[in-house]
């Protein structure tokens, strides 16, 4: 009996699937029209979208252990001489690769970037990306539709505030001050730049997207150069501060050593013919102070030379694993792939719609 039930259920399921297929086939005209609309939308998107090209570069920063190292017995000797070297044990430090995206997207960095001249091969001219996006670039029909539908409130708001004066200077004293147009183009440019970090192997990837393939490569190279220069500047700046700190301590030790020598010489001259034990003890104490001051002075002289070398050693080295390339293919989604996606999506959605409507009608 159970076998008969099982066979019946299986047979019913097969009948249901066949009926399902027949029902979908009966609505084939609707499904074909719906899928056709999806394909037309895909063609519209493909032919109205602006061509974009992505240039990439991969580099590997060589990390070094910063700092001045362990001062060892020099710290104790400096303490006896009255010099505090405790703050010299810190590292020269550096920017973590995880902070590179924040550095690139910072307003001073981007302001400098958008004002650099770039060669646009397709236009056979050279201009800054700021001028290009302000006066030349057109987002295409799809971009304009988006701008005047979803982005319409923002455009109305910007027009209402257009009477306010705009500042064209990048900085105002210690503060970054940009015009609304500059800020808008900076935001658009930030969206075109992607800095990726791989925590496993430390590789930094730079991707830049532009409407012109040559301009994409030039801008990517600028991003890499400016990024590495900023990291180097920061690293050297920290090492330079450490060196200057040691140099100040060195001068203090040199002055203190001279004072101790002078004090010992004066005391020796005054008590040259005195044979008192107290005089001998005091002279021994002064001689010990001179010896300690000399050891600190000598140690700091050595540390100063090491710090000077460290300033040069602290310069980070970036190995280019994959140089900046001039892209030969568009980074937009390919027409063939887009058509397959739209065809499959249109058919699936229309078939689901037919089945849902049929199910609701049978309820």
Protein backbone atom coordinates (compact mmCIF):
# COMPACT_ATOMS: atom_id res chain seq x y z
CA UNK A 1 0.00 0.00 0.00
CA UNK A 2 2.78 2.39 0.88
CA UNK A 3 4.50 1.66 -2.45
CA UNK A 4 1.30 2.59 -4.32
CA UNK A 5 1.11 5.89 -2.38
CA UNK A 6 4.74 6.66 -3.10
CA UNK A 7 4.35 5.94 -6.80
CA UNK A 8 1.23 8.10 -6.89
CA UNK A 9 2.99 11.04 -5.27
CA UNK A 10 5.85 10.74 -7.70
CA UNK A 11 3.45 10.58 -10.62
CA UNK A 12 1.54 13.62 -9.32
CA UNK A 13 4.79 15.56 -8.93
CA UNK A 14 5.71 14.75 -12.51
CA UNK A 15 2.25 15.82 -13.68
CA UNK A 16 2.64 19.07 -11.71
CA UNK A 17 6.00 19.81 -13.34
CA UNK A 18 4.59 19.10 -16.79
CA UNK A 19 1.59 21.33 -16.10
CA UNK A 20 3.96 24.00 -14.80
CA UNK A 21 6.00 23.86 -17.99
CA UNK A 22 2.81 23.94 -20.10
CA UNK A 23 1.55 26.97 -18.21
CA UNK A 24 4.83 28.81 -18.74
CA UNK A 25 4.75 27.87 -22.42
CA UNK A 26 1.20 29.16 -22.74
CA UNK A 27 2.42 32.56 -21.60
CA UNK A 28 5.47 32.49 -23.85
CA UNK A 29 4.50 35.70 -25.66
CA UNK A 30 4.38 37.65 -22.39
CA UNK A 31 7.69 36.12 -21.27
CA UNK A 32 9.28 36.90 -24.64
CA UNK A 33 8.10 40.54 -24.51
CA UNK A 34 9.25 40.94 -20.92
CA UNK A 35 12.66 39.40 -21.71
CA UNK A 36 12.91 41.57 -24.82
CA UNK A 37 12.36 44.69 -22.72
CA UNK A 38 15.17 43.58 -20.41
CA UNK A 39 17.47 43.05 -23.39
CA UNK A 40 16.60 46.49 -24.77
CA UNK A 41 17.35 48.03 -21.38
CA UNK A 42 20.68 46.23 -21.41
CA UNK A 43 21.47 47.56 -24.89
CA UNK A 44 20.45 51.06 -23.76
CA UNK A 45 22.78 50.84 -20.77
CA UNK A 46 25.62 49.46 -22.91
CA UNK A 47 25.42 52.10 -25.64
CA UNK A 48 24.75 55.10 -23.39
CA UNK A 49 27.37 54.34 -20.75
CA UNK A 50 30.66 56.21 -20.95
CA UNK A 51 33.69 54.08 -21.81
CA UNK A 52 35.97 53.62 -18.80
CA UNK A 53 39.49 52.18 -18.55
CA UNK A 54 41.25 50.91 -15.42
CA UNK A 55 45.02 51.11 -14.93
CA UNK A 56 46.60 49.01 -12.18
CA UNK A 57 49.88 48.87 -10.30
CA UNK A 58 51.16 46.62 -7.51
CA UNK A 59 53.98 47.50 -5.15
CA UNK A 60 55.54 46.01 -2.04
CA UNK A 61 56.79 48.30 0.76
CA UNK A 62 59.85 46.98 2.60
CA UNK A 63 59.24 47.51 6.30
CA UNK A 64 62.17 48.20 8.64
CA UNK A 65 62.39 48.19 12.37
CA UNK A 66 62.66 51.81 13.39
CA UNK A 67 63.87 53.37 16.55
CA UNK A 68 67.21 53.93 18.20
CA UNK A 69 67.53 50.54 19.79
CA UNK A 70 68.33 49.67 23.37
CA UNK A 71 70.52 52.26 25.02
CA UNK A 72 71.87 49.70 27.45
CA UNK A 73 74.17 51.07 30.16
CA UNK A 74 74.21 54.50 28.54
CA UNK A 75 70.80 55.26 30.04
CA UNK A 76 72.04 54.52 33.53
CA UNK A 77 75.18 56.59 33.07
CA UNK A 78 73.13 59.47 31.66
CA UNK A 79 70.89 59.32 34.74
CA UNK A 80 73.91 59.62 37.02
CA UNK A 81 75.09 62.60 34.99
CA UNK A 82 71.66 64.26 35.21
CA UNK A 83 70.54 63.70 31.61
CA UNK A 84 67.19 62.00 30.83
CA UNK A 85 67.33 59.73 27.75
CA UNK A 86 64.14 57.79 28.44
CA UNK A 87 62.24 59.26 25.49
CA UNK A 88 64.98 58.22 23.06
CA UNK A 89 63.96 54.58 23.11
CA UNK A 90 60.90 55.10 20.90
CA UNK A 91 60.64 54.00 17.30
CA UNK A 92 60.97 56.31 14.36
CA UNK A 93 57.72 54.77 13.25
CA UNK A 94 55.92 54.94 9.93
CA UNK A 95 52.56 54.83 8.21
CA UNK A 96 50.86 51.46 8.27
CA UNK A 97 49.81 50.24 4.79
CA UNK A 98 46.26 50.01 6.12
CA UNK A 99 46.29 53.83 6.33
CA UNK A 100 47.31 54.33 2.68
CA UNK A 101 43.68 54.57 1.45
CA UNK A 102 42.97 57.26 4.07
CA UNK A 103 46.07 59.17 2.99
CA UNK A 104 45.12 59.06 -0.69
CA UNK A 105 41.53 60.15 -0.04
CA UNK A 106 42.62 63.08 2.14
CA UNK A 107 41.70 66.50 0.74
CA UNK A 108 45.27 67.94 0.55
CA UNK A 109 46.43 64.84 -1.35
CA UNK A 110 43.47 64.92 -3.74
CA UNK A 111 43.67 68.69 -4.27
CA UNK A 112 47.28 68.32 -5.36
CA UNK A 113 46.35 65.37 -7.58
CA UNK A 114 43.44 66.95 -9.48
CA UNK A 115 45.55 70.00 -10.37
CA UNK A 116 48.40 68.03 -11.95
CA UNK A 117 48.50 68.14 -15.78
CA UNK A 118 47.51 64.88 -17.48
CA UNK A 119 47.83 63.84 -21.10
CA UNK A 120 44.49 62.79 -22.62
CA UNK A 121 45.45 60.75 -25.65
CA UNK A 122 41.94 60.53 -27.10
CA UNK A 123 41.64 64.34 -27.03
CA UNK A 124 45.28 64.94 -28.05
CA UNK A 125 45.67 67.54 -25.31
CA UNK A 126 47.03 68.02 -21.78
CA UNK A 127 44.98 69.40 -18.91
CA UNK A 128 44.36 68.80 -15.22
CA UNK A 129 41.72 66.30 -14.23
CA UNK A 130 39.92 69.18 -12.50
CA UNK A 131 39.56 71.06 -15.80
CA UNK A 132 38.65 67.84 -17.61
CA UNK A 133 35.81 66.87 -15.28
CA UNK A 134 34.66 70.48 -15.01
CA UNK A 135 34.63 71.50 -18.70
CA UNK A 136 35.11 68.44 -20.94
CA UNK A 137 33.76 65.27 -19.37
CA UNK A 138 30.20 64.19 -20.15
CA UNK A 139 28.76 61.32 -18.09
CA UNK A 140 26.71 59.98 -21.03
CA UNK A 141 22.96 59.68 -21.42
CA UNK A 142 22.57 57.23 -18.55
CA UNK A 143 24.62 59.45 -16.27
CA UNK A 144 22.55 62.47 -17.20
CA UNK A 145 19.32 60.58 -16.50
CA UNK A 146 20.67 59.62 -13.10
CA UNK A 147 21.85 63.17 -12.44
CA UNK A 148 18.47 64.72 -13.24
CA UNK A 149 16.39 62.11 -11.42
CA UNK A 150 18.11 60.73 -8.34
CA UNK A 151 20.59 63.61 -8.17
CA UNK A 152 18.05 66.36 -8.88
CA UNK A 153 17.55 67.40 -5.20
CA UNK A 154 21.28 67.91 -4.86
CA UNK A 155 21.43 70.03 -8.01
CA UNK A 156 18.54 72.22 -6.81
CA UNK A 157 20.23 72.68 -3.45
CA UNK A 158 23.53 73.65 -5.09
CA UNK A 159 21.75 76.20 -7.30
CA UNK A 160 20.05 77.78 -4.29
CA UNK A 161 23.42 78.13 -2.56
CA UNK A 162 25.14 79.44 -5.68
CA UNK A 163 25.05 83.02 -4.39
CA UNK A 164 27.53 82.18 -1.65
CA UNK A 165 31.13 83.10 -2.55
CA UNK A 166 33.42 80.22 -3.49
CA UNK A 167 37.03 80.02 -2.37
CA UNK A 168 39.50 78.72 -4.95
CA UNK A 169 42.43 78.39 -2.59
CA UNK A 170 43.27 74.93 -1.25
CA UNK A 171 44.35 76.06 2.16
CA UNK A 172 43.47 78.92 4.45
CA UNK A 173 46.18 79.05 7.08
CA UNK A 174 46.20 75.67 8.78
CA UNK A 175 42.84 74.62 7.36
CA UNK A 176 41.82 73.05 4.06
CA UNK A 177 39.29 75.25 2.29
CA UNK A 178 37.79 74.16 -1.03
CA UNK A 179 35.11 75.52 -3.30
CA UNK A 180 31.98 73.43 -3.78
CA UNK A 181 33.06 72.58 -7.32
CA UNK A 182 36.49 71.46 -6.15
CA UNK A 183 34.99 69.34 -3.39
CA UNK A 184 32.55 67.76 -5.85
CA UNK A 185 35.28 66.83 -8.33
CA UNK A 186 37.50 65.53 -5.52
CA UNK A 187 34.69 63.22 -4.39
CA UNK A 188 34.22 61.96 -7.94
CA UNK A 189 37.97 61.41 -8.33
CA UNK A 190 38.17 59.53 -5.03
CA UNK A 191 35.54 57.12 -6.38
CA UNK A 192 37.83 56.46 -9.34
CA UNK A 193 40.83 55.48 -7.19
CA UNK A 194 41.05 52.28 -5.20
CA UNK A 195 43.93 51.41 -2.87
CA UNK A 196 43.95 47.79 -1.73
CA UNK A 197 46.17 46.21 0.91
CA UNK A 198 46.83 42.51 1.32
CA UNK A 199 47.52 41.80 5.02
CA UNK A 200 48.98 38.38 4.22
CA UNK A 201 51.81 39.40 1.90
CA UNK A 202 51.82 43.20 2.31
CA UNK A 203 51.22 43.91 -1.40
CA UNK A 204 49.65 47.30 -2.15
CA UNK A 205 47.44 47.49 -5.24
CA UNK A 206 46.50 50.77 -6.92
CA UNK A 207 43.63 50.94 -9.42
CA UNK A 208 42.62 54.11 -11.24
CA UNK A 209 39.65 54.41 -13.61
CA UNK A 210 39.42 57.14 -16.26
CA UNK A 211 37.52 57.67 -19.55
CA UNK A 212 40.88 57.78 -21.39
CA UNK A 213 43.29 54.77 -21.17
CA UNK A 214 46.46 56.88 -21.29
CA UNK A 215 45.09 59.33 -18.72
CA UNK A 216 44.24 56.39 -16.45
CA UNK A 217 47.87 55.22 -16.59
CA UNK A 218 49.24 58.73 -15.98
CA UNK A 219 46.92 59.33 -13.04
CA UNK A 220 47.75 55.91 -11.57
CA UNK A 221 51.46 56.71 -11.81
CA UNK A 222 50.84 60.06 -10.09
CA UNK A 223 48.96 58.35 -7.27
CA UNK A 224 51.82 55.87 -6.76
CA UNK A 225 54.47 58.62 -6.82
CA UNK A 226 52.62 60.93 -4.46
CA UNK A 227 51.72 58.10 -2.11
CA UNK A 228 55.29 56.78 -1.84
CA UNK A 229 56.68 60.32 -1.46
CA UNK A 230 54.24 61.05 1.38
CA UNK A 231 55.15 57.81 3.16
CA UNK A 232 58.87 58.56 2.73
CA UNK A 233 58.42 62.13 3.96
CA UNK A 234 56.55 60.95 7.04
CA UNK A 235 59.14 58.27 7.83
CA UNK A 236 62.12 60.61 7.37
CA UNK A 237 60.36 63.33 9.37
CA UNK A 238 60.06 61.00 12.36
CA UNK A 239 63.69 59.89 12.07
CA UNK A 240 64.76 63.53 11.73
CA UNK A 241 62.93 64.42 14.94
CA UNK A 242 64.72 61.59 16.74
CA UNK A 243 68.09 62.77 15.41
CA UNK A 244 67.44 66.35 16.49
CA UNK A 245 66.48 65.13 19.96
CA UNK A 246 69.76 63.20 20.27
CA UNK A 247 71.66 66.21 18.97
CA UNK A 248 70.21 68.37 21.74
CA UNK A 249 71.14 65.75 24.36
CA UNK A 250 74.61 65.54 22.82
CA UNK A 251 75.10 69.29 23.19
CA UNK A 252 73.89 69.15 26.80
CA UNK A 253 76.31 66.29 27.52
CA UNK A 254 79.14 68.18 25.85
CA UNK A 255 78.43 71.30 27.92
CA UNK A 256 78.07 69.26 31.13
CA UNK A 257 81.32 67.41 30.43
CA UNK A 258 83.12 70.72 29.96
CA UNK A 259 81.69 72.10 33.22
CA UNK A 260 82.75 68.96 35.13
CA UNK A 261 86.27 69.21 33.69
CA UNK A 262 86.45 72.90 34.59
CA UNK A 263 85.21 72.25 38.12
CA UNK A 264 87.81 69.48 38.63
CA UNK A 265 90.61 71.67 37.27
CA UNK A 266 89.72 74.58 39.56
CA UNK A 267 89.51 72.30 42.58
CA UNK A 268 92.86 70.66 41.76
CA UNK A 269 94.59 74.04 41.33
CA UNK A 270 93.23 75.32 44.65
CA UNK A 271 94.32 72.26 46.60
CA UNK A 272 97.52 71.43 44.76
CA UNK A 273 99.72 71.45 47.91
CA UNK A 274 97.07 70.17 50.33
CA UNK A 275 97.50 66.57 51.58
CA UNK A 276 94.23 66.28 53.47
CA UNK A 277 92.22 63.06 53.08
CA UNK A 278 89.01 65.04 52.67
CA UNK A 279 90.55 66.95 49.79
CA UNK A 280 91.60 63.66 48.16
CA UNK A 281 88.10 62.18 48.56
CA UNK A 282 86.47 65.24 47.02
CA UNK A 283 88.92 65.19 44.11
CA UNK A 284 88.19 61.49 43.50
CA UNK A 285 84.47 62.25 43.48
CA UNK A 286 84.94 65.06 40.96
CA UNK A 287 87.09 62.81 38.78
CA UNK A 288 84.35 60.16 38.84
CA UNK A 289 81.81 62.77 37.75
CA UNK A 290 84.09 63.75 34.87
CA UNK A 291 84.45 60.08 33.86
CA UNK A 292 80.68 59.56 33.92
CA UNK A 293 80.06 62.77 31.96
CA UNK A 294 82.67 61.68 29.40
CA UNK A 295 81.07 58.24 28.98
CA UNK A 296 77.67 59.85 28.41
CA UNK A 297 79.19 62.36 25.99
CA UNK A 298 81.03 59.62 24.10
CA UNK A 299 77.93 57.42 24.02
CA UNK A 300 75.74 60.23 22.72
CA UNK A 301 78.32 61.05 20.06
CA UNK A 302 78.06 57.46 18.87
CA UNK A 303 74.23 57.60 19.04
CA UNK A 304 74.23 60.83 17.04
CA UNK A 305 76.22 59.24 14.25
CA UNK A 306 73.86 56.27 14.27
CA UNK A 307 70.85 58.62 14.13
CA UNK A 308 72.31 60.43 11.13
CA UNK A 309 72.73 57.11 9.37
CA UNK A 310 69.22 56.13 10.49
CA UNK A 311 67.74 59.14 8.70
CA UNK A 312 69.06 57.69 5.45
CA UNK A 313 68.16 54.11 6.36
CA UNK A 314 64.61 55.06 7.31
CA UNK A 315 63.74 55.94 3.72
CA UNK A 316 61.23 53.21 2.80
CA UNK A 317 61.91 51.13 -0.29
CA UNK A 318 58.98 50.27 -2.55
CA UNK A 319 59.42 47.36 -4.93
CA UNK A 320 57.23 47.63 -8.02
CA UNK A 321 55.81 44.16 -8.55
CA UNK A 322 53.52 45.15 -11.41
CA UNK A 323 54.21 48.49 -13.14
CA UNK A 324 51.49 50.88 -14.21
CA UNK A 325 49.91 49.69 -17.44
CA UNK A 326 48.00 51.44 -20.21
CA UNK A 327 44.74 49.47 -20.37
CA UNK A 328 43.79 48.16 -23.81
CA UNK A 329 40.30 46.94 -22.86
CA UNK A 330 37.38 48.78 -21.35
CA UNK A 331 36.64 48.14 -17.72
CA UNK A 332 32.88 48.44 -18.38
CA UNK A 333 30.93 45.21 -18.38
CA UNK A 334 31.19 43.51 -21.80
CA UNK A 335 28.17 43.66 -24.10
CA UNK A 336 28.00 39.87 -24.48
CA UNK A 337 28.03 39.31 -20.71
CA UNK A 338 25.48 42.08 -20.18
CA UNK A 339 23.16 40.55 -22.78
CA UNK A 340 23.41 37.10 -21.17
CA UNK A 341 22.67 38.57 -17.73
CA UNK A 342 19.71 40.62 -18.98
CA UNK A 343 18.35 37.68 -21.03
CA UNK A 344 18.54 35.30 -18.08
CA UNK A 345 17.19 37.91 -15.66
CA UNK A 346 14.27 38.84 -17.89
CA UNK A 347 13.28 35.23 -18.51
CA UNK A 348 13.56 34.28 -14.82
CA UNK A 349 11.57 37.25 -13.53
CA UNK A 350 8.84 36.92 -16.14
CA UNK A 351 8.50 33.16 -15.52
CA UNK A 352 8.29 33.74 -11.76
CA UNK A 353 5.67 36.43 -12.34
CA UNK A 354 3.57 34.04 -14.44
CA UNK A 355 3.77 31.33 -11.76
CA UNK A 356 2.92 33.72 -8.92
CA UNK A 357 -0.11 35.15 -10.78
CA UNK A 358 -1.27 31.59 -11.59
CA UNK A 359 -0.89 30.53 -7.96
CA UNK A 360 -2.88 33.55 -6.69
CA UNK A 361 -5.66 32.93 -9.23
CA UNK A 362 -6.01 29.31 -8.00
CA UNK A 363 -6.30 30.36 -4.37
